Amino acid sequence: MVRVYLELSTLIALANSSDLFHKETKEFLDAIKRLSFEPTSCKQAVEMDLAIGVAKRPLRVTDALRMMETIDTCGIKLLNTQSRTLLVLVKKYLKETRLNMGDLLHYAGATLLNADYLASWDTDDFNPNFEKSINRVNRRENLKTIKVGTPTIILEWLP
């Protein structure tokens, strides 16, 4: 089964009907489900991102709860991976890239959950250049490589 990892920006867009990318994200999710692909995200990465966001701006609690509800109602699998393994991989990525820990948790989560694609609207941190660095580590560690793109770009890659 093809697994598509949804990074936080796609989950936020899906949960917020006034988000600029809401419609495209919903269409993307519908398209991958029609293809019997599995939409997924890493529980630890999502929870850490939400905790950081709520700590910075307490009014975001409602947004965080809405996103968790959306993950459930849209059938996105929020999967666990070994936290220690996740952290070890993040540390290896840190040697190759200048990305922050939150972004690297998503890259590591996608890798350890055997995702084929990582979908994100955050093109500053999720793009072909960082994909190369991440996949260089993945190949060295005999892990699955991933394709990174916006939902729109990933749809163009699909049959």
Protein backbone atom coordinates (compact mmCIF):
# COMPACT_ATOMS: atom_id res chain seq x y z
CA MET A 1 0.00 0.00 0.00
CA VAL A 2 1.19 3.50 -0.83
CA ARG A 3 1.46 5.69 2.25
CA VAL A 4 1.20 9.50 2.09
CA TYR A 5 2.51 11.40 5.09
CA LEU A 6 0.69 14.65 5.89
CA GLU A 7 2.90 17.26 7.55
CA LEU A 8 1.39 19.79 9.96
CA SER A 9 0.73 22.50 7.34
CA THR A 10 -1.55 20.14 5.40
CA LEU A 11 -3.37 19.12 8.58
CA ILE A 12 -3.89 22.77 9.53
CA ALA A 13 -5.24 23.56 6.06
CA LEU A 14 -7.59 20.59 6.22
CA ALA A 15 -8.94 21.59 9.65
CA ASN A 16 -9.48 25.27 8.83
CA SER A 17 -12.08 25.99 6.15
CA SER A 18 -10.80 29.57 5.78
CA ASP A 19 -7.20 28.46 5.15
CA LEU A 20 -5.82 29.43 1.74
CA PHE A 21 -5.04 25.77 0.97
CA HIS A 22 -8.16 24.16 2.50
CA LYS A 23 -9.89 23.31 -0.78
CA GLU A 24 -6.75 21.93 -2.45
CA THR A 25 -5.90 19.88 0.64
CA LYS A 26 -9.39 18.39 0.78
CA GLU A 27 -9.22 17.53 -2.94
CA PHE A 28 -5.78 15.99 -2.40
CA LEU A 29 -7.04 13.84 0.46
CA ASP A 30 -10.04 12.71 -1.61
CA ALA A 31 -7.75 11.86 -4.56
CA ILE A 32 -5.31 9.77 -2.56
CA LYS A 33 -8.17 7.92 -0.88
CA ARG A 34 -9.71 7.15 -4.30
CA LEU A 35 -6.36 5.60 -5.23
CA SER A 36 -6.52 3.53 -2.00
CA PHE A 37 -3.43 5.31 -0.64
CA GLU A 38 -3.13 5.56 3.11
CA PRO A 39 -3.03 9.11 4.55
CA THR A 40 -0.93 9.15 7.69
CA SER A 41 1.08 11.27 10.09
CA CYS A 42 3.40 10.64 13.02
CA LYS A 43 1.70 10.95 16.40
CA GLN A 44 4.83 12.18 18.20
CA ALA A 45 5.60 14.84 15.55
CA VAL A 46 2.03 16.16 15.47
CA GLU A 47 1.74 16.23 19.25
CA MET A 48 5.07 18.06 19.63
CA ASP A 49 4.11 20.63 16.99
CA LEU A 50 0.75 21.22 18.66
CA ALA A 51 2.30 21.50 22.13
CA ILE A 52 4.81 24.07 20.91
CA GLY A 53 2.11 26.04 19.11
CA VAL A 54 -0.19 26.09 22.13
CA ALA A 55 2.68 27.08 24.44
CA LYS A 56 3.51 30.03 22.19
CA ARG A 57 -0.11 31.12 21.78
CA PRO A 58 -2.60 29.69 24.31
CA LEU A 59 -5.55 30.80 22.17
CA ARG A 60 -4.56 28.10 19.68
CA VAL A 61 -5.96 25.35 21.92
CA THR A 62 -9.23 25.47 19.96
CA ASP A 63 -7.32 25.17 16.67
CA ALA A 64 -5.32 22.23 18.00
CA LEU A 65 -8.45 20.42 19.15
CA ARG A 66 -10.16 21.09 15.80
CA MET A 67 -7.16 19.65 13.98
CA MET A 68 -7.15 16.49 16.12
CA GLU A 69 -10.86 16.06 15.41
CA THR A 70 -10.25 16.55 11.67
CA ILE A 71 -7.50 13.92 11.69
CA ASP A 72 -9.99 11.48 13.18
CA THR A 73 -13.02 12.35 11.01
CA CYS A 74 -10.99 12.39 7.77
CA GLY A 75 -9.55 8.93 8.44
CA ILE A 76 -5.93 10.05 8.67
CA LYS A 77 -3.94 7.45 10.56
CA LEU A 78 -1.96 9.02 13.38
CA LEU A 79 0.69 6.36 13.94
CA ASN A 80 3.32 5.87 16.63
CA THR A 81 6.91 5.05 16.00
CA GLN A 82 9.60 4.25 18.56
CA SER A 83 10.39 7.61 20.17
CA ARG A 84 14.04 6.73 20.72
CA THR A 85 14.48 5.63 17.10
CA LEU A 86 12.73 8.82 15.97
CA LEU A 87 15.10 10.98 18.02
CA VAL A 88 18.22 9.11 16.85
CA LEU A 89 17.20 9.65 13.23
CA VAL A 90 16.46 13.35 13.86
CA LYS A 91 19.98 13.74 15.30
CA LYS A 92 21.45 12.16 12.16
CA TYR A 93 19.42 14.54 10.00
CA LEU A 94 20.66 17.51 12.07
CA LYS A 95 24.21 16.74 10.90
CA GLU A 96 23.09 17.12 7.27
CA THR A 97 20.58 20.00 7.36
CA ARG A 98 19.85 23.32 9.01
CA LEU A 99 16.19 22.50 9.65
CA ASN A 100 14.56 22.83 13.06
CA MET A 101 13.65 19.90 15.27
CA GLY A 102 9.92 20.12 14.50
CA ASP A 103 10.44 19.78 10.75
CA LEU A 104 12.95 16.98 11.23
CA LEU A 105 10.47 15.09 13.41
CA HIS A 106 8.11 15.04 10.41
CA TYR A 107 10.85 13.89 8.01
CA ALA A 108 11.88 11.16 10.47
CA GLY A 109 8.27 10.19 11.13
CA ALA A 110 7.56 9.89 7.42
CA THR A 111 10.69 7.78 6.97
CA LEU A 112 10.09 5.46 9.92
CA LEU A 113 6.42 5.03 8.99
CA ASN A 114 7.55 3.96 5.51
CA ALA A 115 5.79 6.79 3.69
CA ASP A 116 6.22 7.02 -0.05
CA TYR A 117 5.34 10.72 -0.14
CA LEU A 118 5.54 13.58 2.34
CA ALA A 119 2.98 16.31 1.60
CA SER A 120 3.52 19.84 2.93
CA TRP A 121 2.53 23.39 2.01
CA ASP A 122 5.71 24.62 3.77
CA THR A 123 8.00 24.78 0.74
CA ASP A 124 10.74 26.58 2.67
CA ASP A 125 11.44 23.50 4.77
CA PHE A 126 9.92 20.69 2.71
CA ASN A 127 11.43 20.86 -0.77
CA PRO A 128 13.69 18.94 -3.19
CA ASN A 129 16.90 20.32 -1.66
CA PHE A 130 16.07 19.10 1.83
CA GLU A 131 14.61 15.91 0.37
CA LYS A 132 18.07 15.14 -1.06
CA SER A 133 19.76 15.67 2.30
CA ILE A 134 17.19 13.57 4.14
CA ASN A 135 17.33 10.77 1.58
CA ARG A 136 21.15 10.77 1.68
CA VAL A 137 20.90 9.90 5.39
CA ASN A 138 18.10 7.40 4.69
CA ARG A 139 20.18 5.58 2.09
CA ARG A 140 23.19 5.52 4.41
CA GLU A 141 20.99 4.02 7.15
CA ASN A 142 19.26 1.58 4.75
CA LEU A 143 15.91 3.31 5.26
CA LYS A 144 13.22 4.05 2.73
CA THR A 145 13.63 7.24 0.71
CA ILE A 146 10.70 9.62 0.40
CA LYS A 147 9.39 12.04 -2.23
CA VAL A 148 8.57 15.48 -0.85
CA GLY A 149 6.17 17.97 -2.41
CA THR A 150 3.07 20.07 -2.02
CA PRO A 151 -0.21 18.21 -2.36
CA THR A 152 -0.64 19.81 -5.80
CA ILE A 153 2.76 18.60 -6.99
CA ILE A 154 2.27 15.11 -5.57
CA LEU A 155 -1.04 14.83 -7.45
CA GLU A 156 0.87 15.58 -10.67
CA TRP A 157 3.22 12.67 -9.93
CA LEU A 158 0.40 10.17 -9.42
CA PRO A 159 -1.12 7.95 -12.13
